[in-house]
């Protein structure tokens, strides 16, 4: 399950995520993250759907499967053992642990 544009509330600087098990949690975003998301949404457009999309050369949008290839390429270039799924899990775990510490 990915993030949709509807999960972002720029006015409230928050992001709704679904935890493992289906519990929905509202995360407060730092000002820098909110600004970065606002800039991304301006580029992405306001159409409903996946928050992270990839633009093709023809101007079409599709889900960001390209992120997989970016992470894999960084993995190869840096000689690290980084996998997109592991990066995703560790990032989400870190954010949720920070959210619990703040709450």
N, C-alpha and C. Protein backbone atom coordinates (compact mmCIF):
# COMPACT_ATOMS: atom_id res chain seq x y z
N UNK A 1 0.86 -1.17 0.00
CA UNK A 1 0.00 0.00 0.00
C UNK A 1 0.90 1.23 0.00
N UNK A 2 0.68 2.14 -0.94
CA UNK A 2 1.52 3.32 -1.05
C UNK A 2 0.81 4.56 -0.53
N UNK A 3 1.52 5.65 -0.58
CA UNK A 3 0.95 6.93 -0.17
C UNK A 3 0.24 7.57 -1.35
N UNK A 4 -0.92 8.11 -1.10
CA UNK A 4 -1.67 8.85 -2.10
C UNK A 4 -1.62 10.33 -1.77
N UNK A 5 -1.91 11.15 -2.76
CA UNK A 5 -1.93 12.59 -2.55
C UNK A 5 -2.88 12.95 -1.40
N UNK A 6 -3.98 12.22 -1.29
CA UNK A 6 -4.95 12.47 -0.23
C UNK A 6 -4.42 12.21 1.18
N UNK A 7 -3.28 11.54 1.29
CA UNK A 7 -2.69 11.26 2.60
C UNK A 7 -1.90 12.45 3.14
N UNK A 8 -1.67 13.45 2.29
CA UNK A 8 -0.86 14.61 2.66
C UNK A 8 -1.78 15.79 2.99
N UNK A 9 -1.53 16.43 4.12
CA UNK A 9 -2.23 17.65 4.48
C UNK A 9 -1.17 18.73 4.71
N UNK A 10 -0.88 19.50 3.65
CA UNK A 10 0.17 20.51 3.74
C UNK A 10 -0.19 21.61 4.74
N UNK A 11 -1.46 21.98 4.81
CA UNK A 11 -1.89 23.04 5.73
C UNK A 11 -1.63 22.65 7.19
N UNK A 12 -1.81 21.37 7.50
CA UNK A 12 -1.59 20.89 8.87
C UNK A 12 -0.20 20.29 9.04
N UNK A 13 0.61 20.30 7.99
CA UNK A 13 1.96 19.69 8.02
C UNK A 13 1.89 18.26 8.55
N UNK A 14 1.01 17.46 7.94
CA UNK A 14 0.87 16.09 8.41
C UNK A 14 0.73 15.12 7.25
N UNK A 15 1.00 13.85 7.57
CA UNK A 15 0.94 12.77 6.60
C UNK A 15 0.28 11.58 7.27
N UNK A 16 -0.73 11.02 6.66
CA UNK A 16 -1.42 9.85 7.20
C UNK A 16 -0.77 8.60 6.63
N UNK A 17 -0.33 7.72 7.49
CA UNK A 17 0.28 6.46 7.07
C UNK A 17 -0.46 5.30 7.73
N UNK A 18 -0.36 4.15 7.09
CA UNK A 18 -0.98 2.95 7.65
C UNK A 18 0.14 2.06 8.19
N UNK A 19 0.06 1.77 9.47
CA UNK A 19 1.05 0.90 10.11
C UNK A 19 0.76 -0.55 9.76
N UNK A 20 1.75 -1.38 10.03
CA UNK A 20 1.56 -2.81 9.88
C UNK A 20 0.38 -3.22 10.76
N UNK A 21 -0.52 -3.98 10.22
CA UNK A 21 -1.71 -4.36 10.96
C UNK A 21 -2.90 -3.50 10.62
N UNK A 22 -2.69 -2.43 9.85
CA UNK A 22 -3.79 -1.62 9.36
C UNK A 22 -4.13 -0.38 10.16
N UNK A 23 -3.45 -0.14 11.28
CA UNK A 23 -3.74 1.06 12.08
C UNK A 23 -3.28 2.31 11.32
N UNK A 24 -4.15 3.29 11.21
CA UNK A 24 -3.83 4.54 10.52
C UNK A 24 -3.28 5.54 11.54
N UNK A 25 -2.14 6.17 11.20
CA UNK A 25 -1.47 7.09 12.10
C UNK A 25 -1.22 8.40 11.36
N UNK A 26 -1.44 9.50 12.05
CA UNK A 26 -1.18 10.82 11.49
C UNK A 26 0.17 11.30 12.01
N UNK A 27 1.12 11.54 11.09
CA UNK A 27 2.45 11.99 11.47
C UNK A 27 2.59 13.48 11.24
N UNK A 28 3.16 14.17 12.20
CA UNK A 28 3.45 15.59 12.05
C UNK A 28 4.76 15.72 11.30
N UNK A 29 4.78 16.57 10.28
CA UNK A 29 5.96 16.73 9.44
C UNK A 29 6.75 17.98 9.81
N UNK A 30 8.08 17.90 9.77
CA UNK A 30 8.89 19.11 9.97
C UNK A 30 8.64 20.09 8.83
N UNK A 31 8.90 21.36 9.07
CA UNK A 31 8.67 22.40 8.07
C UNK A 31 9.43 22.12 6.77
N UNK A 32 10.65 21.60 6.89
CA UNK A 32 11.45 21.31 5.70
C UNK A 32 10.81 20.21 4.85
N UNK A 33 10.27 19.20 5.49
CA UNK A 33 9.62 18.10 4.78
C UNK A 33 8.34 18.59 4.12
N UNK A 34 7.58 19.41 4.83
CA UNK A 34 6.35 19.97 4.26
C UNK A 34 6.67 20.80 3.03
N UNK A 35 7.72 21.62 3.11
CA UNK A 35 8.13 22.44 1.96
C UNK A 35 8.56 21.57 0.79
N UNK A 36 9.30 20.50 1.08
CA UNK A 36 9.74 19.60 0.01
C UNK A 36 8.54 18.91 -0.64
N UNK A 37 7.58 18.46 0.18
CA UNK A 37 6.38 17.83 -0.37
C UNK A 37 5.56 18.83 -1.20
N UNK A 38 5.47 20.05 -0.73
CA UNK A 38 4.73 21.08 -1.49
C UNK A 38 5.38 21.30 -2.85
N UNK A 39 6.70 21.35 -2.88
CA UNK A 39 7.42 21.52 -4.15
C UNK A 39 7.20 20.31 -5.05
N UNK A 40 7.23 19.12 -4.47
CA UNK A 40 7.01 17.92 -5.26
C UNK A 40 5.59 17.90 -5.84
N UNK A 41 4.61 18.23 -5.01
CA UNK A 41 3.22 18.21 -5.47
C UNK A 41 3.00 19.25 -6.57
N UNK A 42 3.70 20.37 -6.48
CA UNK A 42 3.61 21.37 -7.55
C UNK A 42 4.12 20.79 -8.87
N UNK A 43 5.20 20.04 -8.81
CA UNK A 43 5.73 19.39 -10.02
C UNK A 43 4.84 18.23 -10.46
N UNK A 44 4.37 17.45 -9.50
CA UNK A 44 3.58 16.25 -9.76
C UNK A 44 2.22 16.59 -10.34
N UNK A 45 1.63 17.67 -9.82
CA UNK A 45 0.26 18.02 -10.18
C UNK A 45 -0.70 17.59 -9.09
N UNK A 46 -1.91 18.14 -9.14
CA UNK A 46 -2.88 17.92 -8.07
C UNK A 46 -3.87 16.79 -8.36
N UNK A 47 -3.63 16.01 -9.40
CA UNK A 47 -4.54 14.90 -9.72
C UNK A 47 -4.48 13.85 -8.62
N UNK A 48 -5.63 13.28 -8.25
CA UNK A 48 -5.62 12.23 -7.23
C UNK A 48 -4.77 11.04 -7.68
N UNK A 49 -4.28 10.29 -6.71
CA UNK A 49 -3.51 9.10 -7.03
C UNK A 49 -2.23 9.02 -6.22
N UNK A 50 -1.32 8.19 -6.68
CA UNK A 50 -0.07 7.94 -5.97
C UNK A 50 0.71 9.23 -5.76
N UNK A 51 1.26 9.39 -4.55
CA UNK A 51 2.03 10.59 -4.23
C UNK A 51 3.32 10.64 -5.04
N UNK A 52 4.00 9.51 -5.14
CA UNK A 52 5.24 9.44 -5.89
C UNK A 52 4.93 8.83 -7.25
N UNK A 53 5.17 9.61 -8.27
CA UNK A 53 4.95 9.15 -9.63
C UNK A 53 6.21 9.43 -10.44
N UNK A 54 6.30 8.79 -11.56
CA UNK A 54 7.44 8.94 -12.44
C UNK A 54 6.92 9.49 -13.77
N UNK A 55 7.59 10.49 -14.28
CA UNK A 55 7.21 11.05 -15.57
C UNK A 55 8.00 10.34 -16.66
N UNK A 56 7.31 9.91 -17.70
CA UNK A 56 8.00 9.31 -18.83
C UNK A 56 8.37 10.40 -19.82
N UNK A 57 9.18 10.07 -20.80
CA UNK A 57 9.58 11.06 -21.79
C UNK A 57 8.39 11.61 -22.57
N UNK A 58 7.34 10.82 -22.68
CA UNK A 58 6.16 11.27 -23.41
C UNK A 58 5.24 12.12 -22.54
N UNK A 59 5.61 12.33 -21.26
CA UNK A 59 4.79 13.14 -20.37
C UNK A 59 3.76 12.35 -19.60
N UNK A 60 3.73 11.03 -19.77
CA UNK A 60 2.79 10.20 -19.04
C UNK A 60 3.27 10.00 -17.61
N UNK A 61 2.34 9.76 -16.73
CA UNK A 61 2.68 9.47 -15.34
C UNK A 61 2.46 8.00 -15.09
N UNK A 62 3.30 7.43 -14.26
CA UNK A 62 3.09 6.05 -13.82
C UNK A 62 3.64 5.93 -12.41
N UNK A 63 3.28 4.84 -11.74
CA UNK A 63 3.78 4.63 -10.39
C UNK A 63 5.29 4.60 -10.41
N UNK A 64 5.88 4.94 -9.30
CA UNK A 64 7.31 5.18 -9.24
C UNK A 64 8.13 3.90 -9.16
N UNK A 65 7.94 3.00 -10.11
CA UNK A 65 8.79 1.82 -10.15
C UNK A 65 10.22 2.24 -10.44
N UNK A 66 10.39 3.43 -10.99
CA UNK A 66 11.72 3.96 -11.26
C UNK A 66 12.54 4.16 -10.00
N UNK A 67 11.88 4.36 -8.86
CA UNK A 67 12.61 4.50 -7.60
C UNK A 67 13.40 3.23 -7.29
N UNK A 68 12.84 2.10 -7.66
CA UNK A 68 13.53 0.83 -7.46
C UNK A 68 14.87 0.85 -8.19
N UNK A 69 14.84 1.29 -9.44
CA UNK A 69 16.06 1.29 -10.23
C UNK A 69 17.06 2.34 -9.75
N UNK A 70 16.57 3.46 -9.23
CA UNK A 70 17.47 4.48 -8.68
C UNK A 70 18.22 3.92 -7.48
N UNK A 71 17.51 3.27 -6.57
CA UNK A 71 18.15 2.70 -5.38
C UNK A 71 19.12 1.60 -5.78
N UNK A 72 18.73 0.74 -6.70
CA UNK A 72 19.62 -0.33 -7.15
C UNK A 72 20.87 0.23 -7.80
N UNK A 73 20.72 1.30 -8.56
CA UNK A 73 21.87 1.92 -9.22
C UNK A 73 22.82 2.52 -8.18
N UNK A 74 22.27 3.17 -7.16
CA UNK A 74 23.10 3.69 -6.08
C UNK A 74 23.83 2.56 -5.38
N UNK A 75 23.12 1.45 -5.21
CA UNK A 75 23.70 0.26 -4.60
C UNK A 75 24.93 -0.18 -5.40
N UNK A 76 24.79 -0.26 -6.71
CA UNK A 76 25.89 -0.69 -7.57
C UNK A 76 27.02 0.33 -7.58
N UNK A 77 26.68 1.61 -7.69
CA UNK A 77 27.70 2.65 -7.78
C UNK A 77 28.52 2.78 -6.50
N UNK A 78 27.87 2.59 -5.35
CA UNK A 78 28.56 2.76 -4.06
C UNK A 78 29.13 1.46 -3.51
N UNK A 79 28.77 0.35 -4.12
CA UNK A 79 29.27 -0.93 -3.65
C UNK A 79 28.66 -1.35 -2.33
N UNK A 80 27.49 -0.84 -2.01
CA UNK A 80 26.80 -1.19 -0.77
C UNK A 80 25.74 -2.25 -1.06
N UNK A 81 25.30 -2.91 -0.02
CA UNK A 81 24.21 -3.87 -0.19
C UNK A 81 22.92 -3.19 0.27
N UNK A 82 22.36 -2.41 -0.63
CA UNK A 82 21.13 -1.68 -0.35
C UNK A 82 20.05 -2.24 -1.28
N UNK A 83 18.93 -2.56 -0.71
CA UNK A 83 17.80 -3.04 -1.50
C UNK A 83 16.62 -2.13 -1.23
N UNK A 84 15.84 -1.83 -2.24
CA UNK A 84 14.72 -0.90 -2.06
C UNK A 84 13.76 -1.30 -0.94
N UNK A 85 13.44 -2.59 -0.84
CA UNK A 85 12.50 -3.01 0.19
C UNK A 85 13.09 -2.81 1.59
N UNK A 86 14.35 -3.15 1.76
CA UNK A 86 15.01 -2.96 3.06
C UNK A 86 15.11 -1.49 3.43
N UNK A 87 15.40 -0.64 2.44
CA UNK A 87 15.47 0.80 2.67
C UNK A 87 14.10 1.33 3.09
N UNK A 88 13.08 0.86 2.42
CA UNK A 88 11.72 1.28 2.75
C UNK A 88 11.35 0.88 4.17
N UNK A 89 11.62 -0.38 4.52
CA UNK A 89 11.27 -0.85 5.85
C UNK A 89 12.03 -0.11 6.94
N UNK A 90 13.33 0.09 6.75
CA UNK A 90 14.10 0.78 7.78
C UNK A 90 13.68 2.24 7.91
N UNK A 91 13.34 2.88 6.80
CA UNK A 91 12.89 4.27 6.85
C UNK A 91 11.57 4.39 7.58
N UNK A 92 10.64 3.53 7.24
CA UNK A 92 9.32 3.59 7.87
C UNK A 92 9.43 3.26 9.36
N UNK A 93 10.23 2.27 9.70
CA UNK A 93 10.42 1.91 11.11
C UNK A 93 10.99 3.09 11.89
N UNK A 94 11.97 3.77 11.32
CA UNK A 94 12.58 4.92 11.99
C UNK A 94 11.56 6.04 12.22
N UNK A 95 10.76 6.32 11.21
CA UNK A 95 9.75 7.37 11.33
C UNK A 95 8.71 7.01 12.38
N UNK A 96 8.25 5.77 12.38
CA UNK A 96 7.24 5.36 13.36
C UNK A 96 7.80 5.36 14.79
N UNK A 97 9.08 5.00 14.95
CA UNK A 97 9.69 5.05 16.28
C UNK A 97 9.79 6.50 16.76
N UNK A 98 10.12 7.41 15.86
CA UNK A 98 10.17 8.84 16.22
C UNK A 98 8.77 9.34 16.59
N UNK A 99 7.76 8.91 15.83
CA UNK A 99 6.38 9.33 16.11
C UNK A 99 5.95 8.84 17.49
N UNK A 100 6.31 7.61 17.84
CA UNK A 100 5.96 7.08 19.17
C UNK A 100 6.67 7.86 20.28
N UNK A 101 7.91 8.26 20.02
CA UNK A 101 8.68 9.00 21.03
C UNK A 101 8.09 10.38 21.28
N UNK A 102 7.51 10.99 20.24
CA UNK A 102 6.92 12.31 20.35
C UNK A 102 5.56 12.25 21.01
N UNK A 103 4.83 11.18 20.73
CA UNK A 103 3.44 11.05 21.23
C UNK A 103 3.37 10.81 22.70
